[in-house]
Amino acid sequence: MSAALLDGPQSLRDMCLLYGEEFYSAWAHVHHAISTASSGFEVAYGQSFYDYLSQDAATARRFQHTMNAGSMFFHQVPEIFDFSSGKMAQGA
């Protein structure tokens, strides 16, 4: 299992780091975010997530690797979810 955390093409390492650092800090402000309809990330870091990424190359790279790692499972969705009924999620 730990092989998935080794640095490399299909690693989940960057996802764990991003969720355990920046996103964890943002979640500490969830009550404020819900109470004011604001962003917990903006409270934690004083700027929007994308502004933060534009100023921090290491985090931007980690975010890109996280998105790439997450997408490696997308091709399996049709195997797991039956789309033949034509049903859509509520609100869609």
C-alpha atoms as a PDB file:
ATOM      1  CA  MET A   1       0.000   0.000   0.000  1.00  0.00           C
ATOM      2  CA  SER A   2       2.804   2.416   0.804  1.00  0.00           C
ATOM      3  CA  ALA A   3       4.083   2.135  -2.782  1.00  0.00           C
ATOM      4  CA  ALA A   4       1.225   4.477  -3.776  1.00  0.00           C
ATOM      5  CA  LEU A   5       2.949   7.208  -1.747  1.00  0.00           C
ATOM      6  CA  LEU A   6       6.323   6.937  -3.470  1.00  0.00           C
ATOM      7  CA  ASP A   7       7.166   9.881  -5.696  1.00  0.00           C
ATOM      8  CA  GLY A   8       6.386   8.940  -9.286  1.00  0.00           C
ATOM      9  CA  PRO A   9       3.837   9.025 -12.120  1.00  0.00           C
ATOM     10  CA  GLN A  10       0.777   7.582 -10.383  1.00  0.00           C
ATOM     11  CA  SER A  11       1.722   8.539  -6.854  1.00  0.00           C
ATOM     12  CA  LEU A  12      -0.816   9.744  -4.316  1.00  0.00           C
ATOM     13  CA  ARG A  13       1.991  11.438  -2.374  1.00  0.00           C
ATOM     14  CA  ASP A  14       1.198  14.973  -3.536  1.00  0.00           C
ATOM     15  CA  MET A  15      -2.498  14.460  -2.862  1.00  0.00           C
ATOM     16  CA  CYS A  16      -1.732  13.469   0.732  1.00  0.00           C
ATOM     17  CA  LEU A  17       0.585  16.453   1.161  1.00  0.00           C
ATOM     18  CA  LEU A  18      -1.889  18.971  -0.304  1.00  0.00           C
ATOM     19  CA  TYR A  19      -4.804  17.599   1.724  1.00  0.00           C
ATOM     20  CA  GLY A  20      -2.671  17.354   4.853  1.00  0.00           C
ATOM     21  CA  GLU A  21      -1.239  20.856   4.599  1.00  0.00           C
ATOM     22  CA  GLU A  22      -3.119  23.569   2.697  1.00  0.00           C
ATOM     23  CA  PHE A  23      -6.544  21.938   2.657  1.00  0.00           C
ATOM     24  CA  TYR A  24      -6.250  20.894   6.311  1.00  0.00           C
ATOM     25  CA  SER A  25      -5.485  24.499   7.276  1.00  0.00           C
ATOM     26  CA  ALA A  26      -8.455  25.724   5.251  1.00  0.00           C
ATOM     27  CA  TRP A  27     -10.799  23.224   6.934  1.00  0.00           C
ATOM     28  CA  ALA A  28      -9.842  24.715  10.299  1.00  0.00           C
ATOM     29  CA  HIS A  29     -11.936  27.707   9.221  1.00  0.00           C
ATOM     30  CA  VAL A  30     -14.999  25.766   8.096  1.00  0.00           C
ATOM     31  CA  HIS A  31     -17.290  27.290  10.739  1.00  0.00           C
ATOM     32  CA  HIS A  32     -16.378  30.806   9.633  1.00  0.00           C
ATOM     33  CA  ALA A  33     -16.751  29.836   5.974  1.00  0.00           C
ATOM     34  CA  ILE A  34     -20.213  28.360   6.498  1.00  0.00           C
ATOM     35  CA  SER A  35     -21.341  31.204   8.752  1.00  0.00           C
ATOM     36  CA  THR A  36     -20.277  33.912   6.324  1.00  0.00           C
ATOM     37  CA  ALA A  37     -20.492  32.087   2.960  1.00  0.00           C
ATOM     38  CA  SER A  38     -16.806  32.803   2.481  1.00  0.00           C
ATOM     39  CA  SER A  39     -13.840  30.576   1.725  1.00  0.00           C
ATOM     40  CA  GLY A  40     -11.971  28.802   4.500  1.00  0.00           C
ATOM     41  CA  PHE A  41      -8.897  28.886   2.297  1.00  0.00           C
ATOM     42  CA  GLU A  42      -9.089  32.673   1.998  1.00  0.00           C
ATOM     43  CA  VAL A  43      -9.390  33.016   5.768  1.00  0.00           C
ATOM     44  CA  ALA A  44      -6.403  30.718   6.320  1.00  0.00           C
ATOM     45  CA  TYR A  45      -4.167  32.183   3.622  1.00  0.00           C
ATOM     46  CA  GLY A  46      -5.514  35.691   3.006  1.00  0.00           C
ATOM     47  CA  GLN A  47      -6.129  35.063  -0.698  1.00  0.00           C
ATOM     48  CA  SER A  48      -8.013  32.780  -3.049  1.00  0.00           C
ATOM     49  CA  PHE A  49      -6.723  29.298  -3.725  1.00  0.00           C
ATOM     50  CA  TYR A  50      -5.815  30.109  -7.329  1.00  0.00           C
ATOM     51  CA  ASP A  51      -4.047  33.327  -6.359  1.00  0.00           C
ATOM     52  CA  TYR A  52      -2.080  31.295  -3.828  1.00  0.00           C
ATOM     53  CA  LEU A  53      -1.155  28.763  -6.501  1.00  0.00           C
ATOM     54  CA  SER A  54       0.020  31.509  -8.836  1.00  0.00           C
ATOM     55  CA  GLN A  55       2.453  32.693  -6.145  1.00  0.00           C
ATOM     56  CA  ASP A  56       3.665  29.313  -4.856  1.00  0.00           C
ATOM     57  CA  ALA A  57       5.170  27.129  -7.563  1.00  0.00           C
ATOM     58  CA  ALA A  58       5.712  24.121  -5.277  1.00  0.00           C
ATOM     59  CA  THR A  59       2.054  24.039  -4.208  1.00  0.00           C
ATOM     60  CA  ALA A  60       0.903  24.609  -7.795  1.00  0.00           C
ATOM     61  CA  ARG A  61       2.977  21.607  -8.878  1.00  0.00           C
ATOM     62  CA  ARG A  62       1.550  19.548  -5.986  1.00  0.00           C
ATOM     63  CA  PHE A  63      -1.984  20.564  -7.016  1.00  0.00           C
ATOM     64  CA  GLN A  64      -1.333  19.549 -10.644  1.00  0.00           C
ATOM     65  CA  HIS A  65       0.040  16.187  -9.527  1.00  0.00           C
ATOM     66  CA  THR A  66      -3.001  15.759  -7.259  1.00  0.00           C
ATOM     67  CA  MET A  67      -5.392  16.378 -10.152  1.00  0.00           C
ATOM     68  CA  ASN A  68      -3.453  13.940 -12.335  1.00  0.00           C
ATOM     69  CA  ALA A  69      -3.490  11.266  -9.628  1.00  0.00           C
ATOM     70  CA  GLY A  70      -7.215  11.711  -9.075  1.00  0.00           C
ATOM     71  CA  SER A  71      -7.971  11.340 -12.769  1.00  0.00           C
ATOM     72  CA  MET A  72      -6.327   7.925 -13.006  1.00  0.00           C
ATOM     73  CA  PHE A  73      -9.566   6.403 -11.659  1.00  0.00           C
ATOM     74  CA  PHE A  74     -12.005   8.212 -13.987  1.00  0.00           C
ATOM     75  CA  HIS A  75     -11.889   5.519 -16.664  1.00  0.00           C
ATOM     76  CA  GLN A  76     -13.273   3.016 -14.127  1.00  0.00           C
ATOM     77  CA  VAL A  77     -16.424   5.009 -13.343  1.00  0.00           C
ATOM     78  CA  PRO A  78     -18.525   3.493 -16.179  1.00  0.00           C
ATOM     79  CA  GLU A  79     -17.552   0.026 -14.941  1.00  0.00           C
ATOM     80  CA  ILE A  80     -18.825   0.839 -11.447  1.00  0.00           C
ATOM     81  CA  PHE A  81     -21.836   3.073 -12.143  1.00  0.00           C
ATOM     82  CA  ASP A  82     -24.670   2.059 -14.431  1.00  0.00           C
ATOM     83  CA  PHE A  83     -25.475   5.058 -16.643  1.00  0.00           C
ATOM     84  CA  SER A  84     -27.975   3.127 -18.791  1.00  0.00           C
ATOM     85  CA  SER A  85     -31.042   4.300 -16.860  1.00  0.00           C
ATOM     86  CA  GLY A  86     -30.476   7.906 -17.904  1.00  0.00           C
ATOM     87  CA  LYS A  87     -30.980   9.083 -14.325  1.00  0.00           C
ATOM     88  CA  MET A  88     -29.236  12.240 -13.263  1.00  0.00           C
ATOM     89  CA  ALA A  89     -28.181  13.404  -9.836  1.00  0.00           C
ATOM     90  CA  GLN A  90     -30.657  15.664  -8.089  1.00  0.00           C
ATOM     91  CA  GLY A  91     -30.057  19.301  -8.876  1.00  0.00           C
ATOM     92  CA  ALA A  92     -28.300  18.500 -12.154  1.00  0.00           C
END
